[in-house]
Amino acid sequence: GTGVEDDLELNLLIEEASSALSDWVLEFLERVYALLRATGEREKTGKTASGAAARHSSADVQQARNFSRVLKECLLQTFASMDDEVHKLAVKSVVRFLSEETLPDAAKD
């Protein structure tokens, strides 16, 4: 094909890839949110009848730390690979999740 046709085809491919990445990123974030919700629900049901939190074994703590490390690395790599448009959508998604799902003053240091 001509140079113009090749450029148009390349631009179309880039647009399609960007759209697919955007969809993938938003679906990936939804799955992360589902994991976080499920973890929070497990924590709630882990309380004893008196309302005190059940004690966690060192294996539980280690597993939670490993999960946090892996999740953090996945999110860092995912956000680092985004273009500006996808990044904006992803940040909006995270902001919405945090505002809907978390208590503003319930952070641990």
PDB file of N, CA and C in Angstrom:
ATOM      1  N   GLY A   1       0.818  -1.186   0.000  1.00  0.00           N
ATOM      2  CA  GLY A   1       0.000   0.000   0.000  1.00  0.00           C
ATOM      3  C   GLY A   1       0.858   1.244   0.000  1.00  0.00           C
ATOM      4  N   THR A   2       0.202   2.358  -0.123  1.00  0.00           N
ATOM      5  CA  THR A   2       0.926   3.621  -0.119  1.00  0.00           C
ATOM      6  C   THR A   2       1.292   4.004   1.314  1.00  0.00           C
ATOM      7  N   GLY A   3       2.146   4.970   1.433  1.00  0.00           N
ATOM      8  CA  GLY A   3       2.543   5.433   2.752  1.00  0.00           C
ATOM      9  C   GLY A   3       1.364   5.960   3.543  1.00  0.00           C
ATOM     10  N   VAL A   4       0.428   6.657   2.871  1.00  0.00           N
ATOM     11  CA  VAL A   4      -0.755   7.206   3.535  1.00  0.00           C
ATOM     12  C   VAL A   4      -1.642   6.073   4.041  1.00  0.00           C
ATOM     13  N   GLU A   5      -1.861   5.051   3.197  1.00  0.00           N
ATOM     14  CA  GLU A   5      -2.672   3.895   3.609  1.00  0.00           C
ATOM     15  C   GLU A   5      -2.037   3.183   4.796  1.00  0.00           C
ATOM     16  N   ASP A   6      -0.716   3.018   4.738  1.00  0.00           N
ATOM     17  CA  ASP A   6      -0.006   2.363   5.842  1.00  0.00           C
ATOM     18  C   ASP A   6      -0.152   3.163   7.134  1.00  0.00           C
ATOM     19  N   ASP A   7      -0.057   4.496   7.030  1.00  0.00           N
ATOM     20  CA  ASP A   7      -0.205   5.355   8.207  1.00  0.00           C
ATOM     21  C   ASP A   7      -1.612   5.253   8.785  1.00  0.00           C
ATOM     22  N   LEU A   8      -2.627   5.243   7.905  1.00  0.00           N
ATOM     23  CA  LEU A   8      -4.012   5.127   8.373  1.00  0.00           C
ATOM     24  C   LEU A   8      -4.235   3.785   9.058  1.00  0.00           C
ATOM     25  N   GLU A   9      -3.699   2.725   8.457  1.00  0.00           N
ATOM     26  CA  GLU A   9      -3.854   1.390   9.039  1.00  0.00           C
ATOM     27  C   GLU A   9      -3.160   1.312  10.395  1.00  0.00           C
ATOM     28  N   LEU A  10      -1.969   1.877  10.477  1.00  0.00           N
ATOM     29  CA  LEU A  10      -1.233   1.874  11.739  1.00  0.00           C
ATOM     30  C   LEU A  10      -1.990   2.665  12.807  1.00  0.00           C
ATOM     31  N   ASN A  11      -2.523   3.832  12.435  1.00  0.00           N
ATOM     32  CA  ASN A  11      -3.286   4.639  13.394  1.00  0.00           C
ATOM     33  C   ASN A  11      -4.528   3.904  13.881  1.00  0.00           C
ATOM     34  N   LEU A  12      -5.204   3.181  12.964  1.00  0.00           N
ATOM     35  CA  LEU A  12      -6.382   2.406  13.339  1.00  0.00           C
ATOM     36  C   LEU A  12      -6.006   1.297  14.320  1.00  0.00           C
ATOM     37  N   LEU A  13      -4.895   0.618  14.043  1.00  0.00           N
ATOM     38  CA  LEU A  13      -4.422  -0.435  14.949  1.00  0.00           C
ATOM     39  C   LEU A  13      -4.089   0.123  16.323  1.00  0.00           C
ATOM     40  N   ILE A  14      -3.455   1.277  16.357  1.00  0.00           N
ATOM     41  CA  ILE A  14      -3.089   1.909  17.636  1.00  0.00           C
ATOM     42  C   ILE A  14      -4.345   2.285  18.415  1.00  0.00           C
ATOM     43  N   GLU A  15      -5.351   2.851  17.712  1.00  0.00           N
ATOM     44  CA  GLU A  15      -6.610   3.202  18.380  1.00  0.00           C
ATOM     45  C   GLU A  15      -7.297   1.973  18.947  1.00  0.00           C
ATOM     46  N   GLU A  16      -7.338   0.885  18.159  1.00  0.00           N
ATOM     47  CA  GLU A  16      -7.967  -0.353  18.628  1.00  0.00           C
ATOM     48  C   GLU A  16      -7.234  -0.920  19.836  1.00  0.00           C
ATOM     49  N   ALA A  17      -5.901  -0.891  19.778  1.00  0.00           N
ATOM     50  CA  ALA A  17      -5.105  -1.409  20.900  1.00  0.00           C
ATOM     51  C   ALA A  17      -5.326  -0.570  22.156  1.00  0.00           C
ATOM     52  N   SER A  18      -5.387   0.737  21.984  1.00  0.00           N
ATOM     53  CA  SER A  18      -5.608   1.634  23.125  1.00  0.00           C
ATOM     54  C   SER A  18      -6.979   1.389  23.740  1.00  0.00           C
ATOM     55  N   SER A  19      -7.979   1.206  22.901  1.00  0.00           N
ATOM     56  CA  SER A  19      -9.336   0.934  23.392  1.00  0.00           C
ATOM     57  C   SER A  19      -9.373  -0.396  24.142  1.00  0.00           C
ATOM     58  N   ALA A  20      -8.709  -1.404  23.587  1.00  0.00           N
ATOM     59  CA  ALA A  20      -8.667  -2.717  24.242  1.00  0.00           C
ATOM     60  C   ALA A  20      -7.944  -2.616  25.582  1.00  0.00           C
ATOM     61  N   LEU A  21      -6.840  -1.858  25.634  1.00  0.00           N
ATOM     62  CA  LEU A  21      -6.094  -1.691  26.882  1.00  0.00           C
ATOM     63  C   LEU A  21      -6.964  -0.987  27.922  1.00  0.00           C
ATOM     64  N   SER A  22      -7.689   0.020  27.487  1.00  0.00           N
ATOM     65  CA  SER A  22      -8.568   0.745  28.400  1.00  0.00           C
ATOM     66  C   SER A  22      -9.595  -0.199  29.011  1.00  0.00           C
ATOM     67  N   ASP A  23     -10.246  -0.999  28.155  1.00  0.00           N
ATOM     68  CA  ASP A  23     -11.233  -1.969  28.655  1.00  0.00           C
ATOM     69  C   ASP A  23     -10.583  -2.961  29.608  1.00  0.00           C
ATOM     70  N   TRP A  24      -9.401  -3.445  29.246  1.00  0.00           N
ATOM     71  CA  TRP A  24      -8.699  -4.444  30.062  1.00  0.00           C
ATOM     72  C   TRP A  24      -8.346  -3.853  31.427  1.00  0.00           C
ATOM     73  N   VAL A  25      -7.811  -2.647  31.427  1.00  0.00           N
ATOM     74  CA  VAL A  25      -7.397  -1.999  32.677  1.00  0.00           C
ATOM     75  C   VAL A  25      -8.590  -1.822  33.615  1.00  0.00           C
ATOM     76  N   LEU A  26      -9.702  -1.339  33.079  1.00  0.00           N
ATOM     77  CA  LEU A  26     -10.873  -1.116  33.930  1.00  0.00           C
ATOM     78  C   LEU A  26     -11.415  -2.438  34.476  1.00  0.00           C
ATOM     79  N   GLU A  27     -11.387  -3.494  33.664  1.00  0.00           N
ATOM     80  CA  GLU A  27     -11.824  -4.809  34.139  1.00  0.00           C
ATOM     81  C   GLU A  27     -10.853  -5.345  35.197  1.00  0.00           C
ATOM     82  N   PHE A  28      -9.552  -5.158  34.971  1.00  0.00           N
ATOM     83  CA  PHE A  28      -8.534  -5.579  35.941  1.00  0.00           C
ATOM     84  C   PHE A  28      -8.769  -4.874  37.280  1.00  0.00           C
ATOM     85  N   LEU A  29      -8.999  -3.572  37.244  1.00  0.00           N
ATOM     86  CA  LEU A  29      -9.253  -2.825  38.479  1.00  0.00           C
ATOM     87  C   LEU A  29     -10.518  -3.320  39.170  1.00  0.00           C
ATOM     88  N   GLU A  30     -11.561  -3.625  38.412  1.00  0.00           N
ATOM     89  CA  GLU A  30     -12.789  -4.165  39.018  1.00  0.00           C
ATOM     90  C   GLU A  30     -12.497  -5.469  39.756  1.00  0.00           C
ATOM     91  N   ARG A  31     -11.644  -6.294  39.181  1.00  0.00           N
ATOM     92  CA  ARG A  31     -11.288  -7.557  39.844  1.00  0.00           C
ATOM     93  C   ARG A  31     -10.467  -7.312  41.104  1.00  0.00           C
ATOM     94  N   VAL A  32      -9.585  -6.326  41.052  1.00  0.00           N
ATOM     95  CA  VAL A  32      -8.824  -5.955  42.259  1.00  0.00           C
ATOM     96  C   VAL A  32      -9.790  -5.490  43.348  1.00  0.00           C
ATOM     97  N   TYR A  33     -10.762  -4.653  42.962  1.00  0.00           N
ATOM     98  CA  TYR A  33     -11.739  -4.166  43.941  1.00  0.00           C
ATOM     99  C   TYR A  33     -12.516  -5.337  44.543  1.00  0.00           C
ATOM    100  N   ALA A  34     -12.890  -6.300  43.703  1.00  0.00           N
ATOM    101  CA  ALA A  34     -13.632  -7.470  44.200  1.00  0.00           C
ATOM    102  C   ALA A  34     -12.790  -8.244  45.218  1.00  0.00           C
ATOM    103  N   LEU A  35     -11.494  -8.396  44.937  1.00  0.00           N
ATOM    104  CA  LEU A  35     -10.593  -9.057  45.891  1.00  0.00           C
ATOM    105  C   LEU A  35     -10.527  -8.290  47.207  1.00  0.00           C
ATOM    106  N   LEU A  36     -10.406  -6.984  47.116  1.00  0.00           N
ATOM    107  CA  LEU A  36     -10.332  -6.165  48.328  1.00  0.00           C
ATOM    108  C   LEU A  36     -11.629  -6.237  49.128  1.00  0.00           C
ATOM    109  N   ARG A  37     -12.771  -6.209  48.422  1.00  0.00           N
ATOM    110  CA  ARG A  37     -14.063  -6.334  49.111  1.00  0.00           C
ATOM    111  C   ARG A  37     -14.163  -7.683  49.819  1.00  0.00           C
ATOM    112  N   ALA A  38     -13.764  -8.747  49.110  1.00  0.00           N
ATOM    113  CA  ALA A  38     -13.842 -10.099  49.685  1.00  0.00           C
ATOM    114  C   ALA A  38     -12.942 -10.216  50.908  1.00  0.00           C
ATOM    115  N   THR A  39     -11.765  -9.623  50.832  1.00  0.00           N
ATOM    116  CA  THR A  39     -10.838  -9.648  51.967  1.00  0.00           C
ATOM    117  C   THR A  39     -11.440  -8.905  53.151  1.00  0.00           C
ATOM    118  N   GLY A  40     -12.062  -7.767  52.892  1.00  0.00           N
ATOM    119  CA  GLY A  40     -12.717  -7.000  53.952  1.00  0.00           C
ATOM    120  C   GLY A  40     -13.857  -7.768  54.588  1.00  0.00           C
ATOM    121  N   GLU A  41     -14.633  -8.475  53.759  1.00  0.00           N
ATOM    122  CA  GLU A  41     -15.735  -9.285  54.292  1.00  0.00           C
ATOM    123  C   GLU A  41     -15.197 -10.419  55.158  1.00  0.00           C
ATOM    124  N   ARG A  42     -14.109 -11.048  54.741  1.00  0.00           N
ATOM    125  CA  ARG A  42     -13.508 -12.121  55.545  1.00  0.00           C
ATOM    126  C   ARG A  42     -13.026 -11.582  56.876  1.00  0.00           C
ATOM    127  N   GLU A  43     -12.465 -10.377  56.865  1.00  0.00           N
ATOM    128  CA  GLU A  43     -12.021  -9.765  58.121  1.00  0.00           C
ATOM    129  C   GLU A  43     -13.206  -9.537  59.053  1.00  0.00           C
ATOM    130  N   LYS A  44     -14.319  -9.048  58.498  1.00  0.00           N
ATOM    131  CA  LYS A  44     -15.508  -8.790  59.319  1.00  0.00           C
ATOM    132  C   LYS A  44     -16.039 -10.079  59.934  1.00  0.00           C
ATOM    133  N   THR A  45     -16.076 -11.152  59.146  1.00  0.00           N
ATOM    134  CA  THR A  45     -16.619 -12.413  59.662  1.00  0.00           C
ATOM    135  C   THR A  45     -15.621 -13.123  60.567  1.00  0.00           C
ATOM    136  N   GLY A  46     -14.391 -12.623  60.611  1.00  0.00           N
ATOM    137  CA  GLY A  46     -13.369 -13.236  61.460  1.00  0.00           C
ATOM    138  C   GLY A  46     -13.428 -12.772  62.902  1.00  0.00           C
ATOM    139  N   LYS A  47     -14.377 -11.930  63.222  1.00  0.00           N
ATOM    140  CA  LYS A  47     -14.506 -11.449  64.603  1.00  0.00           C
ATOM    141  C   LYS A  47     -15.211 -12.498  65.461  1.00  0.00           C
ATOM    142  N   THR A  48     -14.869 -12.518  66.718  1.00  0.00           N
ATOM    143  CA  THR A  48     -15.495 -13.458  67.651  1.00  0.00           C
ATOM    144  C   THR A  48     -16.878 -12.949  68.038  1.00  0.00           C
ATOM    145  N   ALA A  49     -17.632 -13.753  68.766  1.00  0.00           N
ATOM    146  CA  ALA A  49     -18.994 -13.380  69.165  1.00  0.00           C
ATOM    147  C   ALA A  49     -19.011 -12.078  69.961  1.00  0.00           C
ATOM    148  N   SER A  50     -17.954 -11.820  70.730  1.00  0.00           N
ATOM    149  CA  SER A  50     -17.918 -10.604  71.549  1.00  0.00           C
ATOM    150  C   SER A  50     -17.566  -9.367  70.716  1.00  0.00           C
ATOM    151  N   GLY A  51     -17.242  -9.593  69.432  1.00  0.00           N
ATOM    152  CA  GLY A  51     -16.897  -8.461  68.575  1.00  0.00           C
ATOM    153  C   GLY A  51     -15.405  -8.212  68.483  1.00  0.00           C
ATOM    154  N   ALA A  52     -14.625  -8.959  69.269  1.00  0.00           N
ATOM    155  CA  ALA A  52     -13.168  -8.790  69.197  1.00  0.00           C
ATOM    156  C   ALA A  52     -12.646  -9.499  67.952  1.00  0.00           C
ATOM    157  N   ALA A  53     -11.639  -8.946  67.357  1.00  0.00           N
ATOM    158  CA  ALA A  53     -11.062  -9.565  66.161  1.00  0.00           C
ATOM    159  C   ALA A  53     -10.384 -10.877  66.543  1.00  0.00           C
ATOM    160  N   ALA A  54     -10.578 -11.878  65.707  1.00  0.00           N
ATOM    161  CA  ALA A  54      -9.899 -13.156  65.940  1.00  0.00           C
ATOM    162  C   ALA A  54      -8.401 -12.941  65.713  1.00  0.00           C
ATOM    163  N   ARG A  55      -7.575 -13.669  66.443  1.00  0.00           N
ATOM    164  CA  ARG A  55      -6.128 -13.508  66.294  1.00  0.00           C
ATOM    165  C   ARG A  55      -5.682 -14.163  64.991  1.00  0.00           C
ATOM    166  N   HIS A  56      -4.758 -13.494  64.309  1.00  0.00           N
ATOM    167  CA  HIS A  56      -4.229 -14.032  63.055  1.00  0.00           C
ATOM    168  C   HIS A  56      -2.944 -14.791  63.333  1.00  0.00           C
ATOM    169  N   SER A  57      -2.791 -15.919  62.662  1.00  0.00           N
ATOM    170  CA  SER A  57      -1.536 -16.663  62.805  1.00  0.00           C
ATOM    171  C   SER A  57      -0.448 -15.934  62.024  1.00  0.00           C
ATOM    172  N   SER A  58       0.803 -16.284  62.294  1.00  0.00           N
ATOM    173  CA  SER A  58       1.892 -15.650  61.554  1.00  0.00           C
ATOM    174  C   SER A  58       1.812 -16.021  60.079  1.00  0.00           C
ATOM    175  N   ALA A  59       1.261 -17.205  59.761  1.00  0.00           N
ATOM    176  CA  ALA A  59       1.081 -17.595  58.355  1.00  0.00           C
ATOM    177  C   ALA A  59       0.066 -16.678  57.672  1.00  0.00           C
ATOM    178  N   ASP A  60      -1.023 -16.320  58.404  1.00  0.00           N
ATOM    179  CA  ASP A  60      -2.021 -15.392  57.857  1.00  0.00           C
ATOM    180  C   ASP A  60      -1.380 -14.041  57.566  1.00  0.00           C
ATOM    181  N   VAL A  61      -0.595 -13.572  58.504  1.00  0.00           N
ATOM    182  CA  VAL A  61       0.052 -12.268  58.359  1.00  0.00           C
ATOM    183  C   VAL A  61       1.019 -12.296  57.178  1.00  0.00           C
ATOM    184  N   GLN A  62       1.804 -13.366  57.069  1.00  0.00           N
ATOM    185  CA  GLN A  62       2.761 -13.490  55.966  1.00  0.00           C
ATOM    186  C   GLN A  62       2.031 -13.538  54.623  1.00  0.00           C
ATOM    187  N   GLN A  63       0.929 -14.269  54.568  1.00  0.00           N
ATOM    188  CA  GLN A  63       0.158 -14.363  53.327  1.00  0.00           C
ATOM    189  C   GLN A  63      -0.405 -12.988  52.950  1.00  0.00           C
ATOM    190  N   ALA A  64      -0.900 -12.250  53.934  1.00  0.00           N
ATOM    191  CA  ALA A  64      -1.429 -10.910  53.670  1.00  0.00           C
ATOM    192  C   ALA A  64      -0.329  -9.986  53.167  1.00  0.00           C
ATOM    193  N   ARG A  65       0.863 -10.094  53.752  1.00  0.00           N
ATOM    194  CA  ARG A  65       1.986  -9.259  53.286  1.00  0.00           C
ATOM    195  C   ARG A  65       2.368  -9.603  51.855  1.00  0.00           C
ATOM    196  N   ASN A  66       2.425 -10.898  51.545  1.00  0.00           N
ATOM    197  CA  ASN A  66       2.764 -11.317  50.181  1.00  0.00           C
ATOM    198  C   ASN A  66       1.718 -10.825  49.192  1.00  0.00           C
ATOM    199  N   PHE A  67       0.440 -10.963  49.554  1.00  0.00           N
ATOM    200  CA  PHE A  67      -0.642 -10.481  48.700  1.00  0.00           C
ATOM    201  C   PHE A  67      -0.482  -8.987  48.443  1.00  0.00           C
ATOM    202  N   SER A  68      -0.194  -8.230  49.490  1.00  0.00           N
ATOM    203  CA  SER A  68      -0.026  -6.777  49.349  1.00  0.00           C
ATOM    204  C   SER A  68       1.133  -6.438  48.427  1.00  0.00           C
ATOM    205  N   ARG A  69       2.253  -7.157  48.591  1.00  0.00           N
ATOM    206  CA  ARG A  69       3.423  -6.905  47.729  1.00  0.00           C
ATOM    207  C   ARG A  69       3.112  -7.187  46.266  1.00  0.00           C
ATOM    208  N   VAL A  70       2.475  -8.320  46.004  1.00  0.00           N
ATOM    209  CA  VAL A  70       2.152  -8.695  44.626  1.00  0.00           C
ATOM    210  C   VAL A  70       1.157  -7.706  44.031  1.00  0.00           C
ATOM    211  N   LEU A  71       0.132  -7.361  44.789  1.00  0.00           N
ATOM    212  CA  LEU A  71      -0.869  -6.414  44.306  1.00  0.00           C
ATOM    213  C   LEU A  71      -0.231  -5.059  44.006  1.00  0.00           C
ATOM    214  N   LYS A  72       0.613  -4.583  44.900  1.00  0.00           N
ATOM    215  CA  LYS A  72       1.283  -3.294  44.699  1.00  0.00           C
ATOM    216  C   LYS A  72       2.118  -3.314  43.431  1.00  0.00           C
ATOM    217  N   GLU A  73       2.882  -4.378  43.223  1.00  0.00           N
ATOM    218  CA  GLU A  73       3.733  -4.474  42.031  1.00  0.00           C
ATOM    219  C   GLU A  73       2.897  -4.534  40.760  1.00  0.00           C
ATOM    220  N   CYS A  74       1.808  -5.308  40.783  1.00  0.00           N
ATOM    221  CA  CYS A  74       0.908  -5.384  39.618  1.00  0.00           C
ATOM    222  C   CYS A  74       0.335  -4.009  39.282  1.00  0.00           C
ATOM    223  N   LEU A  75      -0.123  -3.309  40.302  1.00  0.00           N
ATOM    224  CA  LEU A  75      -0.704  -1.991  40.072  1.00  0.00           C
ATOM    225  C   LEU A  75       0.346  -0.994  39.582  1.00  0.00           C
ATOM    226  N   LEU A  76       1.541  -1.042  40.154  1.00  0.00           N
ATOM    227  CA  LEU A  76       2.610  -0.141  39.696  1.00  0.00           C
ATOM    228  C   LEU A  76       2.919  -0.373  38.218  1.00  0.00           C
ATOM    229  N   GLN A  77       3.093  -1.634  37.827  1.00  0.00           N
ATOM    230  CA  GLN A  77       3.409  -1.954  36.436  1.00  0.00           C
ATOM    231  C   GLN A  77       2.255  -1.586  35.502  1.00  0.00           C
ATOM    232  N   THR A  78       1.032  -1.842  35.954  1.00  0.00           N
ATOM    233  CA  THR A  78      -0.137  -1.534  35.124  1.00  0.00           C
ATOM    234  C   THR A  78      -0.255  -0.031  34.900  1.00  0.00           C
ATOM    235  N   PHE A  79      -0.164   0.746  35.982  1.00  0.00           N
ATOM    236  CA  PHE A  79      -0.287   2.202  35.839  1.00  0.00           C
ATOM    237  C   PHE A  79       0.882   2.794  35.051  1.00  0.00           C
ATOM    238  N   ALA A  80       2.077   2.233  35.211  1.00  0.00           N
ATOM    239  CA  ALA A  80       3.249   2.744  34.489  1.00  0.00           C
ATOM    240  C   ALA A  80       3.123   2.531  32.977  1.00  0.00           C
ATOM    241  N   SER A  81       2.365   1.518  32.565  1.00  0.00           N
ATOM    242  CA  SER A  81       2.275   1.198  31.137  1.00  0.00           C
ATOM    243  C   SER A  81       1.132   1.926  30.423  1.00  0.00           C
ATOM    244  N   MET A  82       0.352   2.696  31.149  1.00  0.00           N
ATOM    245  CA  MET A  82      -0.818   3.353  30.554  1.00  0.00           C
ATOM    246  C   MET A  82      -0.441   4.636  29.813  1.00  0.00           C
ATOM    247  N   ASP A  83      -1.212   4.925  28.753  1.00  0.00           N
ATOM    248  CA  ASP A  83      -1.076   6.247  28.149  1.00  0.00           C
ATOM    249  C   ASP A  83      -1.935   7.226  28.968  1.00  0.00           C
ATOM    250  N   ASP A  84      -1.886   8.493  28.617  1.00  0.00           N
ATOM    251  CA  ASP A  84      -2.549   9.521  29.435  1.00  0.00           C
ATOM    252  C   ASP A  84      -4.056   9.308  29.548  1.00  0.00           C
ATOM    253  N   GLU A  85      -4.697   8.951  28.437  1.00  0.00           N
ATOM    254  CA  GLU A  85      -6.155   8.777  28.453  1.00  0.00           C
ATOM    255  C   GLU A  85      -6.576   7.615  29.359  1.00  0.00           C
ATOM    256  N   VAL A  86      -5.909   6.477  29.205  1.00  0.00           N
ATOM    257  CA  VAL A  86      -6.231   5.304  30.016  1.00  0.00           C
ATOM    258  C   VAL A  86      -5.916   5.601  31.489  1.00  0.00           C
ATOM    259  N   HIS A  87      -4.815   6.308  31.725  1.00  0.00           N
ATOM    260  CA  HIS A  87      -4.428   6.676  33.093  1.00  0.00           C
ATOM    261  C   HIS A  87      -5.524   7.505  33.756  1.00  0.00           C
ATOM    262  N   LYS A  88      -6.076   8.480  33.018  1.00  0.00           N
ATOM    263  CA  LYS A  88      -7.160   9.316  33.570  1.00  0.00           C
ATOM    264  C   LYS A  88      -8.358   8.459  33.967  1.00  0.00           C
ATOM    265  N   LEU A  89      -8.752   7.536  33.075  1.00  0.00           N
ATOM    266  CA  LEU A  89      -9.885   6.653  33.367  1.00  0.00           C
ATOM    267  C   LEU A  89      -9.607   5.789  34.592  1.00  0.00           C
ATOM    268  N   ALA A  90      -8.395   5.258  34.676  1.00  0.00           N
ATOM    269  CA  ALA A  90      -8.035   4.379  35.788  1.00  0.00           C
ATOM    270  C   ALA A  90      -8.020   5.147  37.106  1.00  0.00           C
ATOM    271  N   VAL A  91      -7.480   6.346  37.095  1.00  0.00           N
ATOM    272  CA  VAL A  91      -7.443   7.156  38.316  1.00  0.00           C
ATOM    273  C   VAL A  91      -8.867   7.482  38.770  1.00  0.00           C
ATOM    274  N   LYS A  92      -9.746   7.827  37.831  1.00  0.00           N
ATOM    275  CA  LYS A  92     -11.146   8.099  38.179  1.00  0.00           C
ATOM    276  C   LYS A  92     -11.788   6.863  38.803  1.00  0.00           C
ATOM    277  N   SER A  93     -11.472   5.698  38.258  1.00  0.00           N
ATOM    278  CA  SER A  93     -12.012   4.446  38.784  1.00  0.00           C
ATOM    279  C   SER A  93     -11.543   4.215  40.222  1.00  0.00           C
ATOM    280  N   VAL A  94     -10.273   4.443  40.466  1.00  0.00           N
ATOM    281  CA  VAL A  94      -9.719   4.251  41.814  1.00  0.00           C
ATOM    282  C   VAL A  94     -10.329   5.255  42.789  1.00  0.00           C
ATOM    283  N   VAL A  95     -10.435   6.496  42.374  1.00  0.00           N
ATOM    284  CA  VAL A  95     -11.035   7.529  43.236  1.00  0.00           C
ATOM    285  C   VAL A  95     -12.470   7.150  43.590  1.00  0.00           C
ATOM    286  N   ARG A  96     -13.232   6.672  42.597  1.00  0.00           N
ATOM    287  CA  ARG A  96     -14.618   6.261  42.845  1.00  0.00           C
ATOM    288  C   ARG A  96     -14.661   5.099  43.838  1.00  0.00           C
ATOM    289  N   PHE A  97     -13.793   4.110  43.632  1.00  0.00           N
ATOM    290  CA  PHE A  97     -13.755   2.964  44.552  1.00  0.00           C
ATOM    291  C   PHE A  97     -13.447   3.423  45.971  1.00  0.00           C
ATOM    292  N   LEU A  98     -12.413   4.244  46.124  1.00  0.00           N
ATOM    293  CA  LEU A  98     -12.019   4.695  47.462  1.00  0.00           C
ATOM    294  C   LEU A  98     -13.115   5.522  48.125  1.00  0.00           C
ATOM    295  N   SER A  99     -13.776   6.382  47.348  1.00  0.00           N
ATOM    296  CA  SER A  99     -14.810   7.222  47.965  1.00  0.00           C
ATOM    297  C   SER A  99     -16.056   6.413  48.324  1.00  0.00           C
ATOM    298  N   GLU A 100     -16.351   5.358  47.555  1.00  0.00           N
ATOM    299  CA  GLU A 100     -17.552   4.555  47.822  1.00  0.00           C
ATOM    300  C   GLU A 100     -17.321   3.452  48.854  1.00  0.00           C
ATOM    301  N   GLU A 101     -16.104   2.943  48.941  1.00  0.00           N
ATOM    302  CA  GLU A 101     -15.859   1.724  49.702  1.00  0.00           C
ATOM    303  C   GLU A 101     -15.088   1.899  51.002  1.00  0.00           C
ATOM    304  N   THR A 102     -14.510   3.056  51.215  1.00  0.00           N
ATOM    305  CA  THR A 102     -13.668   3.206  52.399  1.00  0.00           C
ATOM    306  C   THR A 102     -14.169   4.343  53.283  1.00  0.00           C
ATOM    307  N   LEU A 103     -13.779   4.257  54.537  1.00  0.00           N
ATOM    308  CA  LEU A 103     -14.092   5.331  55.482  1.00  0.00           C
ATOM    309  C   LEU A 103     -12.923   6.305  55.462  1.00  0.00           C
ATOM    310  N   PRO A 104     -13.179   7.585  55.305  1.00  0.00           N
ATOM    311  CA  PRO A 104     -12.093   8.556  55.122  1.00  0.00           C
ATOM    312  C   PRO A 104     -11.058   8.578  56.257  1.00  0.00           C
ATOM    313  N   ASP A 105     -11.481   8.308  57.483  1.00  0.00           N
ATOM    314  CA  ASP A 105     -10.552   8.406  58.609  1.00  0.00           C
ATOM    315  C   ASP A 105     -10.084   7.053  59.126  1.00  0.00           C
ATOM    316  N   ALA A 106     -10.251   5.993  58.318  1.00  0.00           N
ATOM    317  CA  ALA A 106      -9.949   4.648  58.798  1.00  0.00           C
ATOM    318  C   ALA A 106      -8.628   4.115  58.260  1.00  0.00           C
ATOM    319  N   ALA A 107      -7.644   4.977  58.132  1.00  0.00           N
ATOM    320  CA  ALA A 107      -6.350   4.525  57.596  1.00  0.00           C
ATOM    321  C   ALA A 107      -5.424   4.106  58.718  1.00  0.00           C
ATOM    322  N   LYS A 108      -4.596   3.093  58.420  1.00  0.00           N
ATOM    323  CA  LYS A 108      -3.552   2.670  59.363  1.00  0.00           C
ATOM    324  C   LYS A 108      -2.241   3.252  58.883  1.00  0.00           C
ATOM    325  N   ASP A 109      -1.397   3.635  59.777  1.00  0.00           N
ATOM    326  CA  ASP A 109      -0.079   4.159  59.386  1.00  0.00           C
ATOM    327  C   ASP A 109       0.859   3.025  59.089  1.00  0.00           C
TER     328      ASP A 109
END
